[in-house]
Amino acid sequence: MTGGLSDDPAVPAPHPRPGLLTFLGGVGTVTGSKFMVETDHARVLVDCGLFQGQKELRRRNWRPLPLDPRDVESVVVTHAHLDHTGYLPRLVREGFRGPVYCTPDTARLAELILRDSAHLMEEEALHANREGWSKHRPAEPLYTLKDAEEVLARFSPVEIGLDTEIAEGTVLRLHHAGHILGSSWAHLTLEDGGTVAFSGDLGRQVHPLLLPPEPFSGADVLLVESTYGNRHHDDAISRDVFAAALTRTLARGGSVLIPSFAVDRTEVVLHQLAELRRTGVLPAAVPVYVDSPMALRALRVYQDAFDRRSPQLRPELLADPGAALDPAPFTAARTPQESAEIQHSAVPSIIVSASGMATGGRVVHHLRRMLPDPRNTVLVVGFAAQGTRARDLVEGARSLKMFGTYVPVRAEVVDVPGFSAHADSEEILTWLRGAPQPPKALYVVHGEPEGSERLRDRIEHELGWNAVVPSSGERVLVR
């Protein structure tokens, strides 16, 4: 006998136990996605994102995980956005040493995002120590650029549609999700034969650049996002609102600021601006600035995808890839000096700048300058989480706190949620209806409570499936 198990081949080996799923993040909020899957021989973390938005959520990034990162054998990342990748450097800092599985394009975009995130954290800590506005003495970054570089060395890209054994008896297959370039939904087959799928962030059926998500093909257990679980995107109205806001603002001599996620949202916004240029709605004389070094680097990744004719892209765009992203033309602001020159320009213009929720980055400097002027407009073109400046603007804030002081909001604020790259409730239901049979259990995650509960109700009433909104820290069996 060895380790309590018989060496006699006539004695059958014990049957593997069902997998155990733990909800570590992305529950009750649209950020911080982290889901642990454990079997007899595997500990796999699916997504490893930062909490963003309200202060209480951000504080959770500093709390130790209820597990030892050294025991996590591998991580699966569904796509590159910070709320799905941004905790990886901290995980490595605390001892994780395994591979990170994702698509090749996700690896390329995550490289940009994680380096930028680490740089901003280091810069914020330096600024806080220099200006004395942090209650911590000294202020420290959550992680450093060195931590981010250590993560990047652990990326192990896998192609969409291929089976990859990521641990003994555990097989991963990634499927196209259509949210951003490289995004996927993940399917795991566990050693006991059970299956669990993770939607990640699902894209739109009408994404202007990417093909729709690959249909859900079934699993015993499914985790589905609910960012817009209680919303419907009206694309025609959104495009009209977007164009009207530009026209109205330019007519009164103002400028338009578009806080935009550096990855994908900037590309979608540029695509729409290109269309407005071609139709004459946006005058050729009005300059368009892209003021985000990371957005410009991400744009290069998208342009490379067009060059290699990626199967993720809509085929009708491949005939003229330049027209898909070029607002004829835009001006790139790469250096701080070039960004400052935009701020000192008196010419009405359109500025596309990160971050999309206005939590950091160069867009905050533009907000400080532009918000007091009623001629200007801020166009919010995506989901804004609770506790972010973009959400405060959408909800009618009369002032915003930036750099230790309050800035009055006199500029017009226009919300255009239809530009989001997240599927709305009907699109999520359409994706689910493609399953050959319902999952035994469906968990509604990655949404604020109202969105998650509304989507759960629709799934129960319209599909008749067993749908649950889990609690943070809850553990369930995969069977």
Protein backbone atom coordinates (compact mmCIF):
# COMPACT_ATOMS: atom_id res chain seq x y z
CA MET A 1 0.00 0.00 0.00
CA THR A 2 1.18 3.51 -0.83
CA GLY A 3 -0.48 6.62 0.51
CA GLY A 4 -3.54 4.62 1.59
CA LEU A 5 -4.32 3.43 -1.99
CA SER A 6 -4.07 -0.17 -3.16
CA ASP A 7 -1.39 -1.14 -5.70
CA ASP A 8 -3.48 -4.14 -6.76
CA PRO A 9 -4.69 -3.50 -10.37
CA ALA A 10 -7.79 -5.52 -9.56
CA VAL A 11 -8.89 -2.79 -7.13
CA PRO A 12 -10.51 0.08 -9.07
CA ALA A 13 -9.16 3.58 -8.56
CA PRO A 14 -11.47 5.94 -6.70
CA HIS A 15 -13.73 7.98 -8.97
CA PRO A 16 -12.68 11.64 -9.18
CA ARG A 17 -14.68 13.99 -7.02
CA PRO A 18 -16.85 16.68 -8.63
CA GLY A 19 -15.19 20.00 -9.29
CA LEU A 20 -15.61 22.83 -6.78
CA LEU A 21 -16.34 26.37 -7.99
CA THR A 22 -15.68 29.44 -5.82
CA PHE A 23 -16.87 32.97 -6.65
CA LEU A 24 -13.98 35.24 -5.63
CA GLY A 25 -15.00 38.35 -7.60
CA GLY A 26 -17.29 39.65 -10.29
CA VAL A 27 -20.31 39.07 -8.04
CA GLY A 28 -22.52 42.03 -7.14
CA THR A 29 -20.32 44.22 -9.34
CA VAL A 30 -19.13 44.39 -12.94
CA THR A 31 -15.47 44.31 -11.91
CA GLY A 32 -12.98 42.03 -10.19
CA SER A 33 -13.87 38.82 -12.03
CA LYS A 34 -12.18 35.82 -10.37
CA PHE A 35 -13.55 32.27 -10.32
CA MET A 36 -11.65 29.31 -8.85
CA VAL A 37 -12.18 25.78 -10.14
CA GLU A 38 -10.72 22.96 -8.04
CA THR A 39 -10.55 19.24 -8.74
CA ASP A 40 -8.51 16.38 -7.27
CA HIS A 41 -5.54 17.36 -9.42
CA ALA A 42 -6.12 20.97 -10.51
CA ARG A 43 -6.59 24.47 -9.15
CA VAL A 44 -7.46 26.80 -12.02
CA LEU A 45 -8.38 30.48 -11.65
CA VAL A 46 -10.62 31.77 -14.46
CA ASP A 47 -10.02 35.50 -14.89
CA CYS A 48 -8.05 37.58 -12.42
CA GLY A 49 -9.41 41.11 -12.55
CA LEU A 50 -9.17 44.32 -10.56
CA PHE A 51 -12.10 45.70 -8.63
CA GLN A 52 -12.90 49.21 -9.85
CA GLY A 53 -15.34 51.98 -9.00
CA GLN A 54 -16.50 52.60 -5.46
CA LYS A 55 -13.84 52.99 -2.76
CA GLU A 56 -15.02 49.90 -0.91
CA LEU A 57 -14.58 47.84 -4.05
CA ARG A 58 -11.12 49.25 -4.72
CA ARG A 59 -10.09 48.40 -1.17
CA ARG A 60 -10.82 44.75 -1.91
CA ASN A 61 -7.81 44.74 -4.25
CA TRP A 62 -5.60 45.13 -1.18
CA ARG A 63 -7.17 42.32 0.82
CA PRO A 64 -5.51 38.89 0.71
CA LEU A 65 -7.34 36.34 -1.40
CA PRO A 66 -8.93 33.47 0.58
CA LEU A 67 -6.37 31.12 -0.97
CA ASP A 68 -2.62 30.81 -1.31
CA PRO A 69 -1.58 32.10 -4.76
CA ARG A 70 1.28 29.58 -4.67
CA ASP A 71 -1.32 26.80 -4.83
CA VAL A 72 -2.97 28.14 -8.01
CA GLU A 73 -1.63 25.98 -10.82
CA SER A 74 -2.82 28.05 -13.79
CA VAL A 75 -4.98 30.99 -14.81
CA VAL A 76 -7.37 31.21 -17.77
CA VAL A 77 -8.05 34.75 -19.02
CA THR A 78 -11.12 35.35 -21.19
CA HIS A 79 -9.98 38.75 -22.47
CA ALA A 80 -7.57 41.59 -21.81
CA HIS A 81 -9.65 44.24 -20.02
CA LEU A 82 -8.40 45.31 -16.59
CA ASP A 83 -11.41 43.96 -14.71
CA HIS A 84 -10.43 40.49 -16.00
CA THR A 85 -6.60 40.72 -15.97
CA GLY A 86 -5.62 43.58 -13.68
CA TYR A 87 -4.99 41.54 -10.53
CA LEU A 88 -2.51 39.19 -12.24
CA PRO A 89 0.61 41.19 -11.25
CA ARG A 90 -0.52 41.15 -7.63
CA LEU A 91 -1.13 37.39 -7.85
CA VAL A 92 2.43 36.90 -9.11
CA ARG A 93 3.76 39.28 -6.45
CA GLU A 94 2.16 37.02 -3.83
CA GLY A 95 3.60 33.78 -5.17
CA PHE A 96 1.73 32.51 -8.26
CA ARG A 97 4.17 30.77 -10.61
CA GLY A 98 1.97 28.96 -13.16
CA PRO A 99 1.03 29.61 -16.80
CA VAL A 100 -1.64 32.07 -17.93
CA TYR A 101 -3.75 30.71 -20.81
CA CYS A 102 -5.51 33.03 -23.26
CA THR A 103 -5.77 33.73 -26.99
CA PRO A 104 -2.76 35.26 -28.79
CA ASP A 105 -4.53 38.62 -29.28
CA THR A 106 -5.50 38.70 -25.61
CA ALA A 107 -1.84 38.20 -24.71
CA ARG A 108 -0.83 41.11 -26.95
CA LEU A 109 -3.46 43.47 -25.58
CA ALA A 110 -2.93 42.39 -21.96
CA GLU A 111 0.73 43.28 -22.36
CA LEU A 112 -0.30 46.87 -23.11
CA ILE A 113 -2.94 47.03 -20.40
CA LEU A 114 -0.89 45.54 -17.57
CA ARG A 115 2.17 47.66 -18.27
CA ASP A 116 0.00 50.77 -18.42
CA SER A 117 -1.83 49.82 -15.21
CA ALA A 118 1.43 49.26 -13.33
CA HIS A 119 2.86 52.54 -14.66
CA LEU A 120 -0.23 54.48 -13.55
CA MET A 121 -0.12 52.87 -10.10
CA GLU A 122 3.53 53.81 -9.67
CA GLU A 123 2.86 57.35 -10.90
CA GLU A 124 -0.14 57.76 -8.59
CA ALA A 125 1.89 56.64 -5.58
CA LEU A 126 4.68 59.09 -6.48
CA HIS A 127 2.18 61.92 -6.95
CA ALA A 128 0.46 61.11 -3.64
CA ASN A 129 3.76 61.12 -1.78
CA ARG A 130 4.89 64.34 -3.48
CA GLU A 131 1.62 66.20 -2.87
CA GLY A 132 0.76 64.57 0.44
CA TRP A 133 -2.86 63.70 -0.37
CA SER A 134 -2.74 60.02 0.58
CA LYS A 135 -3.51 58.87 4.13
CA HIS A 136 -0.80 56.20 3.72
CA ARG A 137 2.77 57.16 4.61
CA PRO A 138 4.31 56.37 2.25
CA ALA A 139 1.78 55.52 -0.43
CA GLU A 140 2.63 52.29 -2.26
CA PRO A 141 1.38 50.96 -5.60
CA LEU A 142 -0.70 47.78 -5.59
CA TYR A 143 1.98 46.39 -7.90
CA THR A 144 4.90 47.58 -9.97
CA LEU A 145 6.04 47.40 -13.55
CA LYS A 146 8.43 44.63 -12.49
CA ASP A 147 5.45 42.59 -11.27
CA ALA A 148 3.65 43.15 -14.57
CA GLU A 149 6.71 42.03 -16.55
CA GLU A 150 6.84 38.81 -14.53
CA VAL A 151 3.21 38.12 -15.47
CA LEU A 152 3.87 38.65 -19.16
CA ALA A 153 6.56 35.98 -19.11
CA ARG A 154 3.91 33.49 -17.94
CA PHE A 155 1.43 33.99 -20.79
CA SER A 156 0.83 30.81 -22.77
CA PRO A 157 -1.33 31.65 -25.81
CA VAL A 158 -3.72 29.01 -27.18
CA GLU A 159 -5.78 29.24 -30.33
CA ILE A 160 -9.56 29.48 -30.35
CA GLY A 161 -11.24 26.12 -30.92
CA LEU A 162 -8.33 23.90 -29.86
CA ASP A 163 -8.40 21.54 -26.85
CA THR A 164 -5.55 22.18 -24.39
CA GLU A 165 -4.88 20.08 -21.30
CA ILE A 166 -4.01 22.69 -18.68
CA ALA A 167 -3.82 20.28 -15.73
CA GLU A 168 -4.10 16.55 -15.20
CA GLY A 169 -7.52 15.61 -16.58
CA THR A 170 -8.61 19.25 -17.13
CA VAL A 171 -9.09 20.39 -20.73
CA LEU A 172 -9.65 23.99 -21.88
CA ARG A 173 -11.32 25.11 -25.09
CA LEU A 174 -11.72 28.82 -25.93
CA HIS A 175 -14.51 30.13 -28.18
CA HIS A 176 -14.82 33.50 -29.95
CA ALA A 177 -16.78 35.96 -27.76
CA GLY A 178 -16.87 39.08 -29.97
CA HIS A 179 -16.39 41.56 -27.11
CA ILE A 180 -12.94 42.85 -28.02
CA LEU A 181 -10.20 41.49 -30.25
CA GLY A 182 -9.06 38.16 -28.81
CA SER A 183 -11.95 37.85 -26.36
CA SER A 184 -13.25 34.37 -25.67
CA TRP A 185 -15.68 32.39 -23.64
CA ALA A 186 -14.09 29.43 -21.92
CA HIS A 187 -15.18 25.79 -21.63
CA LEU A 188 -13.49 23.45 -19.12
CA THR A 189 -13.87 19.67 -19.06
CA LEU A 190 -12.89 18.42 -15.60
CA GLU A 191 -11.33 15.11 -14.66
CA ASP A 192 -14.63 13.61 -13.46
CA GLY A 193 -16.19 14.44 -16.85
CA GLY A 194 -18.11 17.47 -15.57
CA THR A 195 -18.08 20.64 -17.64
CA VAL A 196 -18.19 24.32 -16.73
CA ALA A 197 -18.30 27.32 -19.06
CA PHE A 198 -17.56 31.01 -18.46
CA SER A 199 -19.04 33.63 -20.77
CA GLY A 200 -16.41 36.24 -19.96
CA ASP A 201 -17.75 39.42 -21.53
CA LEU A 202 -20.05 38.70 -24.47
CA GLY A 203 -19.95 40.97 -27.48
CA ARG A 204 -22.66 42.48 -29.61
CA GLN A 205 -24.42 40.90 -32.57
CA VAL A 206 -23.89 44.28 -34.28
CA HIS A 207 -20.30 45.06 -33.26
CA PRO A 208 -19.06 47.17 -36.19
CA LEU A 209 -15.69 45.39 -36.38
CA LEU A 210 -16.01 41.92 -34.84
CA LEU A 211 -18.14 38.91 -35.68
CA PRO A 212 -20.85 37.95 -33.14
CA PRO A 213 -20.03 35.53 -30.31
CA GLU A 214 -19.80 31.85 -31.13
CA PRO A 215 -23.06 30.27 -29.85
CA PHE A 216 -23.09 28.62 -26.44
CA SER A 217 -22.64 24.90 -27.07
CA GLY A 218 -23.58 23.63 -23.62
CA ALA A 219 -22.06 22.74 -20.24
CA ASP A 220 -23.19 21.29 -16.93
CA VAL A 221 -22.59 24.64 -15.25
CA LEU A 222 -22.47 28.09 -16.87
CA LEU A 223 -21.40 31.48 -15.54
CA VAL A 224 -22.86 34.31 -17.64
CA GLU A 225 -22.18 38.03 -17.44
CA SER A 226 -24.97 40.53 -16.74
CA THR A 227 -23.40 43.98 -17.24
CA TYR A 228 -26.46 45.04 -19.24
CA GLY A 229 -28.78 42.39 -17.85
CA ASN A 230 -31.52 44.98 -17.42
CA ARG A 231 -30.88 47.08 -20.53
CA HIS A 232 -31.66 47.14 -24.24
CA HIS A 233 -29.31 48.78 -26.74
CA ASP A 234 -31.02 50.74 -29.49
CA ASP A 235 -28.21 51.10 -31.99
CA ALA A 236 -29.93 53.44 -34.45
CA ILE A 237 -30.93 55.86 -31.69
CA SER A 238 -27.44 55.70 -30.17
CA ARG A 239 -25.80 56.65 -33.46
CA ASP A 240 -28.26 59.53 -33.89
CA VAL A 241 -27.64 60.78 -30.33
CA PHE A 242 -23.89 60.57 -30.88
CA ALA A 243 -24.04 62.54 -34.15
CA ALA A 244 -26.47 65.13 -32.78
CA ALA A 245 -24.25 65.79 -29.75
CA LEU A 246 -21.26 66.44 -32.00
CA THR A 247 -23.23 68.77 -34.28
CA ARG A 248 -24.82 70.68 -31.39
CA THR A 249 -21.52 71.18 -29.57
CA LEU A 250 -19.50 72.29 -32.58
CA ALA A 251 -22.27 74.73 -33.56
CA ARG A 252 -21.92 76.56 -30.26
CA GLY A 253 -18.13 76.67 -30.51
CA GLY A 254 -17.43 73.92 -28.00
CA SER A 255 -15.31 70.81 -28.00
CA VAL A 256 -16.33 67.19 -27.38
CA LEU A 257 -14.52 64.90 -24.94
CA ILE A 258 -15.13 61.16 -25.31
CA PRO A 259 -13.80 59.11 -22.37
CA SER A 260 -13.06 55.82 -24.06
CA PHE A 261 -11.60 52.48 -23.07
CA ALA A 262 -8.24 52.19 -24.76
CA VAL A 263 -8.97 48.72 -26.12
CA ASP A 264 -11.84 48.27 -28.61
CA ARG A 265 -13.98 51.26 -27.58
CA THR A 266 -11.52 53.67 -29.14
CA GLU A 267 -11.59 51.60 -32.33
CA VAL A 268 -15.41 51.60 -32.36
CA VAL A 269 -15.53 55.37 -31.77
CA LEU A 270 -13.02 56.01 -34.56
CA HIS A 271 -15.06 53.79 -36.86
CA GLN A 272 -18.16 55.87 -36.15
CA LEU A 273 -16.29 59.15 -36.58
CA ALA A 274 -14.97 57.87 -39.92
CA GLU A 275 -18.55 57.22 -41.03
CA LEU A 276 -19.61 60.73 -39.96
CA ARG A 277 -16.68 62.18 -41.91
CA ARG A 278 -17.72 60.29 -45.05
CA THR A 279 -21.34 61.46 -44.78
CA GLY A 280 -20.38 65.07 -44.10
CA VAL A 281 -21.89 65.21 -40.60
CA LEU A 282 -18.43 65.76 -39.11
CA PRO A 283 -16.73 68.61 -40.99
CA ALA A 284 -13.28 67.82 -42.32
CA ALA A 285 -11.90 70.95 -40.64
CA VAL A 286 -12.69 69.69 -37.12
CA PRO A 287 -9.61 67.98 -35.65
CA VAL A 288 -9.96 64.59 -33.97
CA TYR A 289 -7.36 63.76 -31.34
CA VAL A 290 -6.61 60.35 -29.86
CA ASP A 291 -4.93 61.21 -26.57
CA SER A 292 -3.97 57.88 -25.04
CA PRO A 293 -0.65 56.17 -25.65
CA MET A 294 -2.16 52.80 -24.78
CA ALA A 295 -5.12 53.34 -27.12
CA LEU A 296 -2.71 54.12 -29.94
CA ARG A 297 -0.74 50.94 -29.25
CA ALA A 298 -3.98 48.93 -29.09
CA LEU A 299 -5.03 50.49 -32.40
CA ARG A 300 -1.86 49.04 -33.92
CA VAL A 301 -2.89 45.57 -32.68
CA TYR A 302 -6.29 45.98 -34.36
CA GLN A 303 -4.66 47.21 -37.55
CA ASP A 304 -2.39 44.16 -37.52
CA ALA A 305 -5.48 41.96 -37.19
CA PHE A 306 -6.85 43.58 -40.36
CA ASP A 307 -3.51 43.07 -42.10
CA ARG A 308 -3.54 39.34 -41.39
CA ARG A 309 -7.28 39.09 -42.16
CA SER A 310 -8.18 37.72 -38.74
CA PRO A 311 -11.25 35.42 -38.74
CA GLN A 312 -12.58 37.42 -35.78
CA LEU A 313 -13.25 40.43 -38.02
CA ARG A 314 -16.29 41.12 -40.14
CA PRO A 315 -15.35 39.99 -43.66
CA GLU A 316 -17.01 42.96 -45.35
CA LEU A 317 -14.46 45.28 -43.69
CA LEU A 318 -11.40 43.41 -44.88
CA ALA A 319 -11.67 44.82 -48.41
CA ASP A 320 -10.74 48.30 -47.09
CA PRO A 321 -9.21 47.98 -43.61
CA GLY A 322 -8.02 51.60 -43.51
CA ALA A 323 -11.55 52.94 -43.83
CA ALA A 324 -12.68 50.87 -40.85
CA LEU A 325 -10.58 52.81 -38.33
CA ASP A 326 -9.49 56.07 -39.93
CA PRO A 327 -11.60 59.20 -39.30
CA ALA A 328 -9.61 60.84 -42.11
CA PRO A 329 -7.40 61.54 -40.31
CA PHE A 330 -7.01 61.74 -36.55
CA THR A 331 -4.07 63.30 -34.70
CA ALA A 332 -2.20 61.04 -32.30
CA ALA A 333 -1.06 62.57 -29.00
CA ARG A 334 1.67 60.29 -27.69
CA THR A 335 3.74 62.49 -25.40
CA PRO A 336 2.66 64.60 -22.41
CA GLN A 337 3.71 67.67 -24.40
CA GLU A 338 1.39 66.74 -27.29
CA SER A 339 -1.43 66.17 -24.80
CA ALA A 340 -0.82 69.59 -23.25
CA GLU A 341 -0.95 71.23 -26.68
CA ILE A 342 -4.48 69.84 -27.15
CA GLN A 343 -5.51 71.41 -23.86
CA HIS A 344 -4.20 74.80 -24.94
CA SER A 345 -5.90 74.73 -28.34
CA ALA A 346 -8.76 77.20 -28.80
CA VAL A 347 -10.09 75.39 -31.90
CA PRO A 348 -13.27 73.32 -31.38
CA SER A 349 -12.25 69.69 -31.58
CA ILE A 350 -13.06 66.10 -30.65
CA ILE A 351 -10.85 64.40 -28.09
CA VAL A 352 -10.90 60.64 -27.54
CA SER A 353 -9.02 59.81 -24.36
CA ALA A 354 -8.72 57.04 -21.78
CA SER A 355 -9.83 55.83 -19.35
CA GLY A 356 -13.42 55.05 -20.31
CA MET A 357 -14.80 55.40 -16.80
CA ALA A 358 -12.63 58.51 -16.18
CA THR A 359 -10.98 56.89 -13.19
CA GLY A 360 -7.49 57.84 -14.34
CA GLY A 361 -5.32 58.63 -17.32
CA ARG A 362 -5.13 61.74 -19.46
CA VAL A 363 -8.90 62.07 -19.75
CA VAL A 364 -8.99 63.39 -16.17
CA HIS A 365 -6.82 66.35 -17.16
CA HIS A 366 -9.18 67.10 -20.06
CA LEU A 367 -12.20 66.88 -17.77
CA ARG A 368 -10.68 69.35 -15.33
CA ARG A 369 -10.22 71.84 -18.17
CA MET A 370 -13.44 71.25 -20.11
CA LEU A 371 -16.16 70.61 -17.53
CA PRO A 372 -16.53 74.25 -16.34
CA ASP A 373 -17.31 75.49 -19.90
CA PRO A 374 -21.01 75.08 -20.92
CA ARG A 375 -20.07 75.11 -24.60
CA ASN A 376 -18.35 71.73 -24.24
CA THR A 377 -19.81 68.21 -24.15
CA VAL A 378 -18.69 64.99 -22.50
CA LEU A 379 -19.92 61.92 -24.41
CA VAL A 380 -20.03 58.77 -22.24
CA VAL A 381 -20.00 55.88 -24.71
CA GLY A 382 -19.86 52.76 -22.56
CA PHE A 383 -20.75 51.19 -19.24
CA ALA A 384 -19.75 53.27 -16.22
CA ALA A 385 -19.53 51.39 -12.93
CA GLN A 386 -20.82 52.81 -9.67
CA GLY A 387 -18.31 55.08 -7.97
CA THR A 388 -16.57 56.21 -11.16
CA ARG A 389 -16.44 59.77 -12.48
CA ALA A 390 -18.18 58.73 -15.68
CA ARG A 391 -21.09 57.27 -13.67
CA ASP A 392 -21.28 60.43 -11.55
CA LEU A 393 -21.51 62.52 -14.72
CA VAL A 394 -24.25 60.35 -16.19
CA GLU A 395 -26.21 60.60 -12.94
CA GLY A 396 -26.06 64.41 -12.97
CA ALA A 397 -23.18 65.32 -10.67
CA ARG A 398 -22.78 69.08 -10.31
CA SER A 399 -19.09 68.81 -9.45
CA LEU A 400 -16.35 66.19 -9.63
CA LYS A 401 -13.35 65.74 -7.38
CA MET A 402 -10.04 65.60 -9.24
CA PHE A 403 -6.50 66.04 -7.96
CA GLY A 404 -7.73 67.00 -4.50
CA THR A 405 -10.19 69.73 -5.57
CA TYR A 406 -13.75 69.92 -6.88
CA VAL A 407 -14.41 70.99 -10.46
CA PRO A 408 -17.86 72.37 -11.42
CA VAL A 409 -19.79 70.46 -14.10
CA ARG A 410 -21.26 73.01 -16.51
CA ALA A 411 -20.55 71.15 -19.75
CA GLU A 412 -23.29 69.10 -21.38
CA VAL A 413 -23.14 65.37 -20.55
CA VAL A 414 -24.57 62.86 -23.03
CA ASP A 415 -24.89 59.14 -22.27
CA VAL A 416 -24.69 56.79 -25.30
CA PRO A 417 -24.86 53.25 -23.83
CA GLY A 418 -25.54 51.69 -27.23
CA PHE A 419 -21.84 52.06 -28.03
CA SER A 420 -21.00 49.48 -25.39
CA ALA A 421 -19.23 46.30 -26.51
CA HIS A 422 -21.29 44.30 -23.98
CA ALA A 423 -24.29 42.29 -25.12
CA ASP A 424 -27.61 43.59 -23.80
CA SER A 425 -30.18 41.36 -22.13
CA GLU A 426 -31.82 40.21 -25.36
CA GLU A 427 -28.47 39.41 -26.96
CA ILE A 428 -27.49 37.36 -23.92
CA LEU A 429 -30.76 35.44 -24.11
CA THR A 430 -30.16 34.81 -27.82
CA TRP A 431 -26.71 33.43 -27.02
CA LEU A 432 -28.15 31.11 -24.36
CA ARG A 433 -30.94 29.82 -26.61
CA GLY A 434 -28.35 28.25 -28.89
CA ALA A 435 -27.51 25.57 -26.31
CA PRO A 436 -28.47 22.00 -27.29
CA GLN A 437 -29.75 21.53 -23.73
CA PRO A 438 -29.90 23.73 -20.65
CA PRO A 439 -27.10 23.66 -18.08
CA LYS A 440 -27.91 22.02 -14.77
CA ALA A 441 -27.08 25.30 -13.07
CA LEU A 442 -26.53 28.81 -14.42
CA TYR A 443 -24.87 31.52 -12.31
CA VAL A 444 -25.42 35.17 -13.20
CA VAL A 445 -22.25 37.16 -12.51
CA HIS A 446 -20.32 40.27 -13.53
CA GLY A 447 -23.13 42.76 -13.05
CA GLU A 448 -24.56 45.20 -10.55
CA PRO A 449 -27.37 43.69 -8.46
CA GLU A 450 -30.25 45.14 -10.46
CA GLY A 451 -28.83 43.91 -13.78
CA SER A 452 -27.99 40.45 -12.45
CA GLU A 453 -31.37 39.93 -10.82
CA ARG A 454 -33.29 41.12 -13.86
CA LEU A 455 -31.34 38.80 -16.16
CA ARG A 456 -31.85 35.88 -13.77
CA ASP A 457 -35.60 36.50 -13.81
CA ARG A 458 -35.69 36.57 -17.60
CA ILE A 459 -33.70 33.35 -17.86
CA GLU A 460 -36.01 31.59 -15.42
CA HIS A 461 -39.25 32.86 -16.97
CA GLU A 462 -38.34 32.71 -20.68
CA LEU A 463 -36.02 29.70 -20.79
CA GLY A 464 -37.14 27.79 -17.72
CA TRP A 465 -33.53 27.29 -16.61
CA ASN A 466 -32.22 27.04 -13.06
CA ALA A 467 -30.58 30.47 -12.66
CA VAL A 468 -28.95 31.85 -9.51
CA VAL A 469 -27.21 35.09 -8.55
CA PRO A 470 -24.38 33.83 -6.31
CA SER A 471 -22.82 35.55 -3.33
CA SER A 472 -19.21 36.65 -3.03
CA GLY A 473 -17.15 33.81 -1.61
CA GLU A 474 -19.84 31.21 -2.22
CA ARG A 475 -18.71 27.69 -3.19
CA VAL A 476 -20.73 25.23 -5.32
CA LEU A 477 -20.15 21.85 -6.91
CA VAL A 478 -19.79 21.39 -10.68
CA ARG A 479 -22.17 18.53 -11.39
